[in-house]
Amino acid sequence: MCLNFALANKLIDKVVIGVDSLTNLDDNIKSLRDIDKVKGIYSKLLELKENDEKIILPLNWENEKLL
């Protein structure tokens, strides 16, 4: 969904992805079949936008030990 969300954005010309295997690349290519589904809910996905940098930037997160 994330890849298709980026591709559905008219302000983005190109998308670069990283892969760690041929299977991963194949999965990403296969996901492109769902771009029309993402385009259909694109405006709803935009409503999830978060602007608060305390939330979206990990460097602003409090350091806590994970058990």
C-alpha atoms as a PDB file:
ATOM      1  CA  MET A   1       0.000   0.000   0.000  1.00  0.00           C
ATOM      2  CA  CYS A   2       2.799   2.424   0.873  1.00  0.00           C
ATOM      3  CA  LEU A   3       4.503   1.978  -2.479  1.00  0.00           C
ATOM      4  CA  ASN A   4       1.243   2.487  -4.347  1.00  0.00           C
ATOM      5  CA  PHE A   5       0.396   5.503  -2.163  1.00  0.00           C
ATOM      6  CA  ALA A   6       3.664   7.139  -3.239  1.00  0.00           C
ATOM      7  CA  LEU A   7       3.071   6.222  -6.883  1.00  0.00           C
ATOM      8  CA  ALA A   8      -0.475   7.630  -6.761  1.00  0.00           C
ATOM      9  CA  ASN A   9       0.835  11.009  -5.605  1.00  0.00           C
ATOM     10  CA  LYS A  10       0.903  13.296  -8.638  1.00  0.00           C
ATOM     11  CA  LEU A  11       3.718  15.345  -7.067  1.00  0.00           C
ATOM     12  CA  ILE A  12       6.081  12.355  -7.073  1.00  0.00           C
ATOM     13  CA  ASP A  13       7.830  11.575 -10.356  1.00  0.00           C
ATOM     14  CA  LYS A  14       9.911   8.567  -9.327  1.00  0.00           C
ATOM     15  CA  VAL A  15      10.046   6.117  -6.436  1.00  0.00           C
ATOM     16  CA  VAL A  16      13.189   4.311  -5.326  1.00  0.00           C
ATOM     17  CA  ILE A  17      12.793   1.153  -3.275  1.00  0.00           C
ATOM     18  CA  GLY A  18      15.286  -1.117  -1.575  1.00  0.00           C
ATOM     19  CA  VAL A  19      15.034  -4.875  -1.674  1.00  0.00           C
ATOM     20  CA  ASP A  20      16.895  -7.642   0.104  1.00  0.00           C
ATOM     21  CA  SER A  21      16.032 -10.541  -2.176  1.00  0.00           C
ATOM     22  CA  LEU A  22      14.510 -11.429  -5.521  1.00  0.00           C
ATOM     23  CA  THR A  23      11.393 -12.544  -3.661  1.00  0.00           C
ATOM     24  CA  ASN A  24      11.116  -9.126  -2.027  1.00  0.00           C
ATOM     25  CA  LEU A  25      11.487  -7.440  -5.431  1.00  0.00           C
ATOM     26  CA  ASP A  26       8.884  -9.781  -6.910  1.00  0.00           C
ATOM     27  CA  ASP A  27       6.462  -8.990  -4.063  1.00  0.00           C
ATOM     28  CA  ASN A  28       6.913  -5.258  -4.644  1.00  0.00           C
ATOM     29  CA  ILE A  29       6.302  -5.638  -8.374  1.00  0.00           C
ATOM     30  CA  LYS A  30       3.191  -7.759  -7.739  1.00  0.00           C
ATOM     31  CA  SER A  31       1.842  -5.108  -5.353  1.00  0.00           C
ATOM     32  CA  LEU A  32       1.628  -2.690  -8.285  1.00  0.00           C
ATOM     33  CA  ARG A  33      -1.507  -4.567  -9.365  1.00  0.00           C
ATOM     34  CA  ASP A  34      -3.296  -2.880  -6.462  1.00  0.00           C
ATOM     35  CA  ILE A  35      -2.597   0.723  -7.480  1.00  0.00           C
ATOM     36  CA  ASP A  36      -6.214   1.290  -8.573  1.00  0.00           C
ATOM     37  CA  LYS A  37      -7.420   0.205  -5.121  1.00  0.00           C
ATOM     38  CA  VAL A  38      -5.096   2.731  -3.491  1.00  0.00           C
ATOM     39  CA  LYS A  39      -6.126   5.458  -5.926  1.00  0.00           C
ATOM     40  CA  GLY A  40      -9.716   4.747  -4.896  1.00  0.00           C
ATOM     41  CA  ILE A  41      -8.964   5.497  -1.235  1.00  0.00           C
ATOM     42  CA  TYR A  42      -6.171   8.043  -1.761  1.00  0.00           C
ATOM     43  CA  SER A  43      -8.123  10.979  -0.308  1.00  0.00           C
ATOM     44  CA  LYS A  44      -9.007   8.901   2.778  1.00  0.00           C
ATOM     45  CA  LEU A  45      -5.342   7.995   3.240  1.00  0.00           C
ATOM     46  CA  LEU A  46      -4.389  11.675   3.070  1.00  0.00           C
ATOM     47  CA  GLU A  47      -6.661  12.271   6.073  1.00  0.00           C
ATOM     48  CA  LEU A  48      -4.215  10.168   8.129  1.00  0.00           C
ATOM     49  CA  LYS A  49      -1.493  12.795   7.659  1.00  0.00           C
ATOM     50  CA  GLU A  50       0.372  13.757  10.834  1.00  0.00           C
ATOM     51  CA  ASN A  51       2.309  17.032  11.074  1.00  0.00           C
ATOM     52  CA  ASP A  52       3.500  16.855  14.681  1.00  0.00           C
ATOM     53  CA  GLU A  53       7.268  16.314  14.511  1.00  0.00           C
ATOM     54  CA  LYS A  54       7.233  14.948  18.073  1.00  0.00           C
ATOM     55  CA  ILE A  55       5.339  11.989  16.637  1.00  0.00           C
ATOM     56  CA  ILE A  56       6.785  11.510  13.142  1.00  0.00           C
ATOM     57  CA  LEU A  57      10.496  12.013  13.838  1.00  0.00           C
ATOM     58  CA  PRO A  58      12.074   9.165  15.830  1.00  0.00           C
ATOM     59  CA  LEU A  59      14.814  11.466  17.117  1.00  0.00           C
ATOM     60  CA  ASN A  60      12.126  13.291  19.088  1.00  0.00           C
ATOM     61  CA  TRP A  61      10.835  10.150  20.763  1.00  0.00           C
ATOM     62  CA  GLU A  62      11.706   9.609  24.381  1.00  0.00           C
ATOM     63  CA  ASN A  63      14.299   6.907  24.906  1.00  0.00           C
ATOM     64  CA  GLU A  64      12.770   4.022  26.754  1.00  0.00           C
ATOM     65  CA  LYS A  65      14.198   0.617  27.450  1.00  0.00           C
ATOM     66  CA  LEU A  66      12.378  -2.188  25.737  1.00  0.00           C
ATOM     67  CA  LEU A  67      12.058  -5.308  27.822  1.00  0.00           C
END
